[in-house]
Every structure is written in structure tokens, then in C-alpha cells.
Amino acid sequence: SKKEDFRRYLEKSGAIDSLTSVLVGLYEESDRPLESTEYIKKFLGGQQQQQQQENDKLKKENDELKSRVHELNKTIETLRANLKTA
């Protein structure tokens, strides 16, 4: 059914785990906030920020590796040229 497919989608994507974690955290708060929705937004927003930082880190690493590959390819070309003239 459509509902069952959607439930499986939420489970696979980790949405159920994230929502459960934030709701358990809210339940365990000794000093519960007046605005529960703000607590939930803050929690989920924090995860998004962490994920963005990880994405930025991986993009930087990818750029550095691409640069290194380019340098190594130039070195290979130079060595091949030297072998031809030797």
C-alpha cells in the first residue's frame, strides 16, 4: 500500500531514527522548553549543519586529490618524454 511504502521510505532514509532520537531527547529533558517545535528544529538543524561541514570537508579533500592526480599525470608525461629522448 501507499502508506506502507512511505513508512519503508522513512525507515530507509533514517527519518524515523532521527525523529525518535529527538523525541526521546525532548522526553528526557529535565527542563522542557516551552516551544517543543523549536527544540525539534534546533536538533534537526544541528544535524544538517554537521552534515554540511562533513560535505565541505569531503569536497576540499576531493579537490586536493584531483590536484595531486593532475600533478602526478604531469610527472608521468615528463618521465615519458625523458625516456624517449634518452
N, C-alpha and C. Protein backbone atom coordinates (compact mmCIF):
# COMPACT_ATOMS: atom_id res chain seq x y z
N SER A 1 0.83 -1.19 0.00
CA SER A 1 0.00 0.00 0.00
C SER A 1 0.87 1.25 0.00
N LYS A 2 0.26 2.35 -0.29
CA LYS A 2 0.97 3.62 -0.37
C LYS A 2 1.54 4.01 1.01
N LYS A 3 0.74 3.79 2.06
CA LYS A 3 1.21 4.12 3.41
C LYS A 3 2.40 3.26 3.81
N GLU A 4 2.34 2.00 3.48
CA GLU A 4 3.42 1.07 3.82
C GLU A 4 4.70 1.44 3.06
N ASP A 5 4.58 1.81 1.81
CA ASP A 5 5.74 2.25 1.03
C ASP A 5 6.37 3.50 1.64
N PHE A 6 5.53 4.41 2.06
CA PHE A 6 6.04 5.65 2.67
C PHE A 6 6.74 5.35 3.99
N ARG A 7 6.17 4.44 4.78
CA ARG A 7 6.78 4.07 6.06
C ARG A 7 8.16 3.44 5.81
N ARG A 8 8.26 2.55 4.82
CA ARG A 8 9.55 1.93 4.49
C ARG A 8 10.56 2.97 4.02
N TYR A 9 10.09 3.93 3.25
CA TYR A 9 10.95 5.03 2.79
C TYR A 9 11.51 5.80 3.98
N LEU A 10 10.64 6.14 4.94
CA LEU A 10 11.08 6.88 6.13
C LEU A 10 12.09 6.08 6.94
N GLU A 11 11.88 4.79 7.04
CA GLU A 11 12.82 3.95 7.78
C GLU A 11 14.17 3.87 7.06
N LYS A 12 14.15 3.64 5.75
CA LYS A 12 15.39 3.53 4.98
C LYS A 12 16.20 4.82 4.99
N SER A 13 15.52 5.94 4.94
CA SER A 13 16.22 7.22 4.86
C SER A 13 16.73 7.69 6.22
N GLY A 14 16.35 7.01 7.29
CA GLY A 14 16.82 7.39 8.62
C GLY A 14 15.95 8.42 9.30
N ALA A 15 14.85 8.80 8.67
CA ALA A 15 13.98 9.83 9.25
C ALA A 15 13.35 9.34 10.55
N ILE A 16 12.94 8.08 10.58
CA ILE A 16 12.32 7.53 11.79
C ILE A 16 13.31 7.57 12.95
N ASP A 17 14.55 7.15 12.70
CA ASP A 17 15.57 7.17 13.76
C ASP A 17 15.84 8.58 14.26
N SER A 18 15.94 9.53 13.34
CA SER A 18 16.20 10.92 13.73
C SER A 18 15.06 11.48 14.56
N LEU A 19 13.84 11.26 14.11
CA LEU A 19 12.68 11.77 14.85
C LEU A 19 12.56 11.09 16.21
N THR A 20 12.81 9.79 16.25
CA THR A 20 12.76 9.08 17.53
C THR A 20 13.80 9.64 18.49
N SER A 21 15.02 9.87 17.99
CA SER A 21 16.09 10.41 18.84
C SER A 21 15.72 11.77 19.41
N VAL A 22 15.19 12.65 18.56
CA VAL A 22 14.86 13.99 19.05
C VAL A 22 13.70 13.93 20.04
N LEU A 23 12.73 13.06 19.80
CA LEU A 23 11.60 12.96 20.73
C LEU A 23 12.03 12.34 22.06
N VAL A 24 12.92 11.36 22.02
CA VAL A 24 13.44 10.78 23.26
C VAL A 24 14.24 11.84 24.01
N GLY A 25 15.05 12.61 23.29
CA GLY A 25 15.81 13.69 23.93
C GLY A 25 14.90 14.70 24.59
N LEU A 26 13.84 15.06 23.92
CA LEU A 26 12.87 16.00 24.48
C LEU A 26 12.20 15.41 25.71
N TYR A 27 11.86 14.14 25.65
CA TYR A 27 11.23 13.46 26.78
C TYR A 27 12.15 13.43 27.99
N GLU A 28 13.46 13.23 27.75
CA GLU A 28 14.43 13.11 28.83
C GLU A 28 14.90 14.45 29.38
N GLU A 29 14.55 15.55 28.72
CA GLU A 29 14.93 16.88 29.21
C GLU A 29 14.32 17.12 30.58
N SER A 30 15.16 17.51 31.53
CA SER A 30 14.61 17.81 32.86
C SER A 30 13.89 19.15 32.85
N ASP A 31 14.39 20.08 32.05
CA ASP A 31 13.76 21.40 31.94
C ASP A 31 13.23 21.54 30.52
N ARG A 32 12.04 21.06 30.30
CA ARG A 32 11.48 21.05 28.94
C ARG A 32 11.19 22.47 28.45
N PRO A 33 11.55 22.71 27.19
CA PRO A 33 11.29 24.04 26.62
C PRO A 33 9.80 24.28 26.42
N LEU A 34 9.42 25.55 26.44
CA LEU A 34 8.02 25.90 26.21
C LEU A 34 7.60 25.56 24.79
N GLU A 35 8.51 25.77 23.86
CA GLU A 35 8.22 25.51 22.44
C GLU A 35 8.91 24.21 22.02
N SER A 36 8.18 23.13 22.01
CA SER A 36 8.77 21.84 21.64
C SER A 36 9.21 21.83 20.17
N THR A 37 8.48 22.55 19.33
CA THR A 37 8.85 22.57 17.91
C THR A 37 10.20 23.25 17.70
N GLU A 38 10.51 24.26 18.51
CA GLU A 38 11.82 24.91 18.41
C GLU A 38 12.94 23.94 18.80
N TYR A 39 12.69 23.15 19.82
CA TYR A 39 13.66 22.13 20.25
C TYR A 39 13.92 21.15 19.10
N ILE A 40 12.85 20.71 18.47
CA ILE A 40 12.97 19.76 17.36
C ILE A 40 13.72 20.39 16.19
N LYS A 41 13.39 21.63 15.85
CA LYS A 41 14.07 22.32 14.76
C LYS A 41 15.56 22.47 15.06
N LYS A 42 15.87 22.83 16.30
CA LYS A 42 17.27 23.02 16.70
C LYS A 42 18.03 21.71 16.57
N PHE A 43 17.44 20.62 17.05
CA PHE A 43 18.08 19.32 16.98
C PHE A 43 18.31 18.90 15.53
N LEU A 44 17.29 18.97 14.73
CA LEU A 44 17.42 18.54 13.33
C LEU A 44 18.30 19.49 12.53
N GLY A 45 18.24 20.78 12.85
CA GLY A 45 19.11 21.75 12.19
C GLY A 45 20.57 21.52 12.51
N GLY A 46 20.84 21.09 13.75
CA GLY A 46 22.21 20.78 14.15
C GLY A 46 22.78 19.63 13.35
N GLN A 47 21.96 18.64 13.09
CA GLN A 47 22.39 17.51 12.27
C GLN A 47 22.70 17.98 10.85
N GLN A 48 21.88 18.87 10.35
CA GLN A 48 22.08 19.37 8.99
C GLN A 48 23.40 20.14 8.91
N GLN A 49 23.70 20.92 9.95
CA GLN A 49 24.94 21.68 9.96
C GLN A 49 26.15 20.74 10.00
N GLN A 50 26.07 19.69 10.81
CA GLN A 50 27.17 18.72 10.86
C GLN A 50 27.37 18.05 9.51
N GLN A 51 26.28 17.71 8.87
CA GLN A 51 26.36 17.07 7.56
C GLN A 51 26.96 18.02 6.53
N GLN A 52 26.60 19.30 6.59
CA GLN A 52 27.16 20.28 5.66
C GLN A 52 28.66 20.43 5.88
N GLN A 53 29.10 20.43 7.15
CA GLN A 53 30.52 20.52 7.44
C GLN A 53 31.27 19.31 6.89
N GLU A 54 30.69 18.14 7.04
CA GLU A 54 31.31 16.92 6.50
C GLU A 54 31.37 16.98 4.98
N ASN A 55 30.31 17.47 4.34
CA ASN A 55 30.30 17.62 2.88
C ASN A 55 31.38 18.59 2.42
N ASP A 56 31.53 19.71 3.12
CA ASP A 56 32.56 20.69 2.78
C ASP A 56 33.95 20.08 2.91
N LYS A 57 34.15 19.32 3.97
CA LYS A 57 35.44 18.67 4.21
C LYS A 57 35.75 17.68 3.08
N LEU A 58 34.76 16.90 2.69
CA LEU A 58 34.97 15.92 1.62
C LEU A 58 35.20 16.60 0.27
N LYS A 59 34.52 17.71 0.01
CA LYS A 59 34.74 18.45 -1.24
C LYS A 59 36.17 18.99 -1.30
N LYS A 60 36.65 19.51 -0.17
CA LYS A 60 38.01 20.03 -0.12
C LYS A 60 39.02 18.91 -0.36
N GLU A 61 38.80 17.78 0.31
CA GLU A 61 39.69 16.63 0.12
C GLU A 61 39.66 16.17 -1.33
N ASN A 62 38.49 16.15 -1.94
CA ASN A 62 38.35 15.75 -3.34
C ASN A 62 39.13 16.69 -4.25
N ASP A 63 39.03 17.99 -4.01
CA ASP A 63 39.76 18.97 -4.81
C ASP A 63 41.27 18.77 -4.67
N GLU A 64 41.72 18.51 -3.44
CA GLU A 64 43.15 18.29 -3.21
C GLU A 64 43.63 17.04 -3.94
N LEU A 65 42.82 15.99 -3.90
CA LEU A 65 43.20 14.75 -4.59
C LEU A 65 43.21 14.93 -6.10
N LYS A 66 42.26 15.69 -6.63
CA LYS A 66 42.25 15.97 -8.07
C LYS A 66 43.52 16.72 -8.47
N SER A 67 43.92 17.67 -7.64
CA SER A 67 45.12 18.44 -7.91
C SER A 67 46.35 17.52 -7.89
N ARG A 68 46.39 16.61 -6.93
CA ARG A 68 47.51 15.68 -6.82
C ARG A 68 47.56 14.75 -8.05
N VAL A 69 46.42 14.29 -8.49
CA VAL A 69 46.35 13.44 -9.69
C VAL A 69 46.88 14.21 -10.90
N HIS A 70 46.49 15.47 -11.01
CA HIS A 70 46.97 16.31 -12.12
C HIS A 70 48.49 16.43 -12.08
N GLU A 71 49.04 16.68 -10.89
CA GLU A 71 50.50 16.79 -10.73
C GLU A 71 51.19 15.49 -11.12
N LEU A 72 50.64 14.38 -10.67
CA LEU A 72 51.24 13.08 -10.99
C LEU A 72 51.17 12.78 -12.48
N ASN A 73 50.09 13.16 -13.13
CA ASN A 73 49.99 12.97 -14.58
C ASN A 73 51.04 13.79 -15.32
N LYS A 74 51.30 15.01 -14.84
CA LYS A 74 52.34 15.84 -15.46
C LYS A 74 53.71 15.18 -15.28
N THR A 75 53.95 14.63 -14.09
CA THR A 75 55.22 13.95 -13.82
C THR A 75 55.38 12.75 -14.75
N ILE A 76 54.33 12.00 -14.94
CA ILE A 76 54.36 10.84 -15.85
C ILE A 76 54.70 11.29 -17.26
N GLU A 77 54.07 12.37 -17.72
CA GLU A 77 54.35 12.88 -19.07
C GLU A 77 55.81 13.28 -19.20
N THR A 78 56.34 13.96 -18.19
CA THR A 78 57.74 14.39 -18.21
C THR A 78 58.67 13.19 -18.26
N LEU A 79 58.40 12.19 -17.44
CA LEU A 79 59.24 11.00 -17.42
C LEU A 79 59.19 10.24 -18.74
N ARG A 80 58.01 10.16 -19.34
CA ARG A 80 57.89 9.50 -20.65
C ARG A 80 58.67 10.26 -21.72
N ALA A 81 58.60 11.59 -21.66
CA ALA A 81 59.34 12.41 -22.62
C ALA A 81 60.84 12.20 -22.44
N ASN A 82 61.29 12.11 -21.19
CA ASN A 82 62.71 11.89 -20.92
C ASN A 82 63.17 10.53 -21.41
N LEU A 83 62.30 9.53 -21.31
CA LEU A 83 62.65 8.19 -21.80
C LEU A 83 62.79 8.17 -23.32
N LYS A 84 61.95 8.93 -24.00
CA LYS A 84 62.00 8.96 -25.47
C LYS A 84 63.28 9.62 -25.96
N THR A 85 63.76 10.63 -25.24
CA THR A 85 64.96 11.36 -25.67
C THR A 85 66.24 10.67 -25.20
N ALA A 86 66.13 9.70 -24.32
CA ALA A 86 67.33 9.03 -23.78
C ALA A 86 67.83 7.95 -24.70
